[in-house]
PDB file of N, CA and C in Angstrom:
ATOM      1  N   ASP A   1       1.444  -1.018  -0.229  1.00  0.00           N
ATOM      2  CA  ASP A   1       0.061   0.377   0.085  1.00  0.00           C
ATOM      3  C   ASP A   1       0.586   1.282  -0.195  1.00  0.00           C
ATOM      4  N   LEU A   2       0.240   2.248  -0.590  1.00  0.00           N
ATOM      5  CA  LEU A   2       0.633   3.229  -0.439  1.00  0.00           C
ATOM      6  C   LEU A   2       0.081   4.420   0.298  1.00  0.00           C
ATOM      7  N   ASP A   3       0.468   5.591   1.239  1.00  0.00           N
ATOM      8  CA  ASP A   3      -0.357   6.697   1.830  1.00  0.00           C
ATOM      9  C   ASP A   3       0.027   8.196   1.230  1.00  0.00           C
ATOM     10  N   VAL A   4      -0.807   9.066   0.287  1.00  0.00           N
ATOM     11  CA  VAL A   4      -0.301   9.787   0.025  1.00  0.00           C
ATOM     12  C   VAL A   4      -0.685  11.294   0.439  1.00  0.00           C
ATOM     13  N   ALA A   5      -0.371  11.489   1.327  1.00  0.00           N
ATOM     14  CA  ALA A   5      -1.123  13.076   1.839  1.00  0.00           C
ATOM     15  C   ALA A   5      -1.864  13.601   0.970  1.00  0.00           C
ATOM     16  N   ALA A   6      -1.292  13.957  -0.336  1.00  0.00           N
ATOM     17  CA  ALA A   6      -2.313  15.154  -1.204  1.00  0.00           C
ATOM     18  C   ALA A   6      -1.611  14.075  -2.574  1.00  0.00           C
ATOM     19  N   PRO A   7      -2.626  13.530  -3.145  1.00  0.00           N
ATOM     20  CA  PRO A   7      -2.436  12.994  -4.351  1.00  0.00           C
ATOM     21  C   PRO A   7      -1.605  14.133  -5.667  1.00  0.00           C
ATOM     22  N   PRO A   8      -0.755  13.860  -6.024  1.00  0.00           N
ATOM     23  CA  PRO A   8      -0.265  15.053  -7.166  1.00  0.00           C
ATOM     24  C   PRO A   8      -1.312  15.122  -8.461  1.00  0.00           C
ATOM     25  N   ARG A   9      -0.682  16.462  -8.853  1.00  0.00           N
ATOM     26  CA  ARG A   9      -1.910  16.644  -9.856  1.00  0.00           C
ATOM     27  C   ARG A   9      -1.797  15.623 -11.179  1.00  0.00           C
ATOM     28  N   ASP A  10      -2.776  15.759 -11.775  1.00  0.00           N
ATOM     29  CA  ASP A  10      -2.568  14.611 -12.752  1.00  0.00           C
ATOM     30  C   ASP A  10      -1.936  12.769 -12.761  1.00  0.00           C
ATOM     31  N   VAL A  11      -1.684  12.448 -12.242  1.00  0.00           N
ATOM     32  CA  VAL A  11      -0.883  11.380 -11.762  1.00  0.00           C
ATOM     33  C   VAL A  11      -1.515  10.466 -10.885  1.00  0.00           C
ATOM     34  N   ARG A  12      -1.549   9.379 -11.370  1.00  0.00           N
ATOM     35  CA  ARG A  12      -2.551   8.478 -11.102  1.00  0.00           C
ATOM     36  C   ARG A  12      -1.832   6.946 -10.581  1.00  0.00           C
ATOM     37  N   VAL A  13      -2.305   6.812  -9.065  1.00  0.00           N
ATOM     38  CA  VAL A  13      -1.491   5.607  -8.557  1.00  0.00           C
ATOM     39  C   VAL A  13      -2.375   3.845  -8.866  1.00  0.00           C
ATOM     40  N   LEU A  14      -1.758   2.937  -9.257  1.00  0.00           N
ATOM     41  CA  LEU A  14      -2.663   2.006  -9.671  1.00  0.00           C
ATOM     42  C   LEU A  14      -2.377   0.705  -8.756  1.00  0.00           C
ATOM     43  N   ARG A  15      -3.011  -0.340  -8.605  1.00  0.00           N
ATOM     44  CA  ARG A  15      -2.569  -1.039  -7.930  1.00  0.00           C
ATOM     45  C   ARG A  15      -2.354  -2.519  -9.456  1.00  0.00           C
ATOM     46  N   GLU A  16      -2.098  -3.469  -9.048  1.00  0.00           N
ATOM     47  CA  GLU A  16      -2.101  -4.612 -10.083  1.00  0.00           C
ATOM     48  C   GLU A  16      -3.213  -4.517 -10.591  1.00  0.00           C
ATOM     49  N   ALA A  17      -3.635  -4.982  -9.724  1.00  0.00           N
ATOM     50  CA  ALA A  17      -5.250  -5.152  -9.916  1.00  0.00           C
ATOM     51  C   ALA A  17      -6.363  -4.720 -10.820  1.00  0.00           C
ATOM     52  N   ASP A  18      -5.927  -3.162 -10.981  1.00  0.00           N
ATOM     53  CA  ASP A  18      -6.582  -1.846 -11.792  1.00  0.00           C
ATOM     54  C   ASP A  18      -6.091  -2.017 -12.934  1.00  0.00           C
ATOM     55  N   LEU A  19      -4.615  -2.390 -13.662  1.00  0.00           N
ATOM     56  CA  LEU A  19      -3.964  -2.421 -14.644  1.00  0.00           C
ATOM     57  C   LEU A  19      -4.792  -2.488 -15.913  1.00  0.00           C
ATOM     58  N   PRO A  20      -6.386  -3.132 -16.089  1.00  0.00           N
ATOM     59  CA  PRO A  20      -6.811  -4.097 -17.185  1.00  0.00           C
ATOM     60  C   PRO A  20      -7.498  -2.845 -17.752  1.00  0.00           C
ATOM     61  N   GLY A  21      -7.466  -2.001 -16.857  1.00  0.00           N
ATOM     62  CA  GLY A  21      -9.264  -0.480 -16.896  1.00  0.00           C
ATOM     63  C   GLY A  21      -8.254   0.194 -17.198  1.00  0.00           C
ATOM     64  N   LEU A  22      -7.499   0.326 -17.241  1.00  0.00           N
ATOM     65  CA  LEU A  22      -6.498   1.471 -17.432  1.00  0.00           C
ATOM     66  C   LEU A  22      -6.583   1.637 -19.320  1.00  0.00           C
ATOM     67  N   ALA A  23      -7.131   0.312 -19.962  1.00  0.00           N
ATOM     68  CA  ALA A  23      -6.732  -0.033 -21.691  1.00  0.00           C
ATOM     69  C   ALA A  23      -8.293   1.207 -21.873  1.00  0.00           C
ATOM     70  N   ARG A  24      -8.862   0.850 -20.874  1.00  0.00           N
ATOM     71  CA  ARG A  24     -10.173   1.755 -20.915  1.00  0.00           C
ATOM     72  C   ARG A  24     -10.331   3.769 -21.174  1.00  0.00           C
ATOM     73  N   LEU A  25      -9.217   3.709 -20.328  1.00  0.00           N
ATOM     74  CA  LEU A  25      -9.501   5.215 -20.582  1.00  0.00           C
ATOM     75  C   LEU A  25      -9.250   5.430 -21.789  1.00  0.00           C
ATOM     76  N   GLY A  26      -8.748   5.362 -22.787  1.00  0.00           N
ATOM     77  CA  GLY A  26      -7.492   5.733 -23.901  1.00  0.00           C
ATOM     78  C   GLY A  26      -6.518   6.415 -23.754  1.00  0.00           C
ATOM     79  N   GLY A  27      -5.809   7.045 -24.923  1.00  0.00           N
ATOM     80  CA  GLY A  27      -4.837   7.554 -25.327  1.00  0.00           C
ATOM     81  C   GLY A  27      -4.089   6.482 -25.391  1.00  0.00           C
ATOM     82  N   VAL A  28      -2.660   6.636 -26.548  1.00  0.00           N
ATOM     83  CA  VAL A  28      -1.925   6.318 -27.035  1.00  0.00           C
ATOM     84  C   VAL A  28      -0.379   7.528 -26.633  1.00  0.00           C
ATOM     85  N   LEU A  29       0.651   7.004 -26.511  1.00  0.00           N
ATOM     86  CA  LEU A  29       2.122   7.683 -26.757  1.00  0.00           C
ATOM     87  C   LEU A  29       2.471   7.889 -27.781  1.00  0.00           C
ATOM     88  N   LYS A  30       2.824   8.679 -28.020  1.00  0.00           N
ATOM     89  CA  LYS A  30       4.019   8.346 -29.470  1.00  0.00           C
ATOM     90  C   LYS A  30       5.212   7.872 -29.108  1.00  0.00           C
ATOM     91  N   PRO A  31       6.290   7.599 -29.777  1.00  0.00           N
ATOM     92  CA  PRO A  31       7.511   6.748 -29.353  1.00  0.00           C
ATOM     93  C   PRO A  31       8.514   8.258 -28.734  1.00  0.00           C
ATOM     94  N   ALA A  32       8.317   9.320 -29.090  1.00  0.00           N
ATOM     95  CA  ALA A  32       8.583  10.770 -28.618  1.00  0.00           C
ATOM     96  C   ALA A  32       8.198  10.717 -27.157  1.00  0.00           C
ATOM     97  N   ASP A  33       7.367  10.652 -26.932  1.00  0.00           N
ATOM     98  CA  ASP A  33       6.385  10.830 -25.458  1.00  0.00           C
ATOM     99  C   ASP A  33       6.765   9.972 -24.633  1.00  0.00           C
ATOM    100  N   VAL A  34       7.057   8.469 -25.045  1.00  0.00           N
ATOM    101  CA  VAL A  34       7.510   7.435 -24.195  1.00  0.00           C
ATOM    102  C   VAL A  34       8.945   7.168 -23.622  1.00  0.00           C
ATOM    103  N   GLU A  35       9.689   8.239 -24.659  1.00  0.00           N
ATOM    104  CA  GLU A  35      11.175   7.991 -24.291  1.00  0.00           C
ATOM    105  C   GLU A  35      11.470   9.054 -23.258  1.00  0.00           C
ATOM    106  N   ALA A  36      10.473  10.147 -23.631  1.00  0.00           N
ATOM    107  CA  ALA A  36      10.452  11.103 -22.831  1.00  0.00           C
ATOM    108  C   ALA A  36      10.462  10.747 -21.184  1.00  0.00           C
ATOM    109  N   LEU A  37       9.075  10.354 -21.235  1.00  0.00           N
ATOM    110  CA  LEU A  37       8.745   9.542 -20.007  1.00  0.00           C
ATOM    111  C   LEU A  37      10.138   8.607 -19.444  1.00  0.00           C
ATOM    112  N   HIS A  38      10.791   7.948 -19.802  1.00  0.00           N
ATOM    113  CA  HIS A  38      11.695   6.805 -19.564  1.00  0.00           C
ATOM    114  C   HIS A  38      12.327   7.622 -19.268  1.00  0.00           C
ATOM    115  N   ALA A  39      13.590   8.889 -19.892  1.00  0.00           N
ATOM    116  CA  ALA A  39      13.990   9.348 -19.320  1.00  0.00           C
ATOM    117  C   ALA A  39      13.827  10.381 -18.011  1.00  0.00           C
ATOM    118  N   LEU A  40      12.705  10.515 -18.048  1.00  0.00           N
ATOM    119  CA  LEU A  40      12.225  11.409 -16.506  1.00  0.00           C
ATOM    120  C   LEU A  40      12.317  10.237 -15.138  1.00  0.00           C
ATOM    121  N   ALA A  41      11.630   8.800 -15.602  1.00  0.00           N
ATOM    122  CA  ALA A  41      11.314   7.918 -14.296  1.00  0.00           C
ATOM    123  C   ALA A  41      12.903   7.812 -14.223  1.00  0.00           C
ATOM    124  N   ARG A  42      13.884   7.586 -15.376  1.00  0.00           N
ATOM    125  CA  ARG A  42      15.041   7.080 -14.680  1.00  0.00           C
ATOM    126  C   ARG A  42      15.982   7.837 -14.278  1.00  0.00           C
ATOM    127  N   ASP A  43      15.511   9.516 -14.176  1.00  0.00           N
ATOM    128  CA  ASP A  43      16.130   9.700 -13.110  1.00  0.00           C
ATOM    129  C   ASP A  43      15.886  10.124 -12.182  1.00  0.00           C
ATOM    130  N   ARG A  44      17.373   9.383 -11.189  1.00  0.00           N
ATOM    131  CA  ARG A  44      17.003   9.497  -9.490  1.00  0.00           C
ATOM    132  C   ARG A  44      15.808  10.882  -8.988  1.00  0.00           C
ATOM    133  N   ARG A  45      16.290  12.066  -9.486  1.00  0.00           N
ATOM    134  CA  ARG A  45      15.732  13.613  -8.659  1.00  0.00           C
ATOM    135  C   ARG A  45      14.197  13.447  -9.221  1.00  0.00           C
ATOM    136  N   THR A  46      13.452  12.718  -9.977  1.00  0.00           N
ATOM    137  CA  THR A  46      12.140  13.100 -10.096  1.00  0.00           C
ATOM    138  C   THR A  46      11.924  12.284  -8.626  1.00  0.00           C
ATOM    139  N   TRP A  47      12.369  11.228  -8.596  1.00  0.00           N
ATOM    140  CA  TRP A  47      11.538  10.389  -7.148  1.00  0.00           C
ATOM    141  C   TRP A  47      11.653  10.754  -5.265  1.00  0.00           C
ATOM    142  N   GLU A  48      13.339  12.101  -6.021  1.00  0.00           N
ATOM    143  CA  GLU A  48      13.312  12.715  -4.719  1.00  0.00           C
ATOM    144  C   GLU A  48      12.053  13.524  -4.250  1.00  0.00           C
ATOM    145  N   ARG A  49      11.431  14.278  -4.910  1.00  0.00           N
ATOM    146  CA  ARG A  49      10.299  15.517  -5.116  1.00  0.00           C
ATOM    147  C   ARG A  49       9.492  14.578  -4.983  1.00  0.00           C
ATOM    148  N   VAL A  50       8.784  12.708  -4.557  1.00  0.00           N
ATOM    149  CA  VAL A  50       7.988  12.539  -4.078  1.00  0.00           C
ATOM    150  C   VAL A  50       7.530  11.840  -2.729  1.00  0.00           C
TER     151      VAL A  50
END
């Protein structure tokens, strides 16, 4: 479990059981968006702010 005092804007935290419903939300990332998201996720400074 993850306790968050105030959820970050535009961020959705899902449990593994919630993942099948994720596809119903729609949206597809372009390859450049995937690369940018991957780079952001790999940057440890991103996670220091969480």
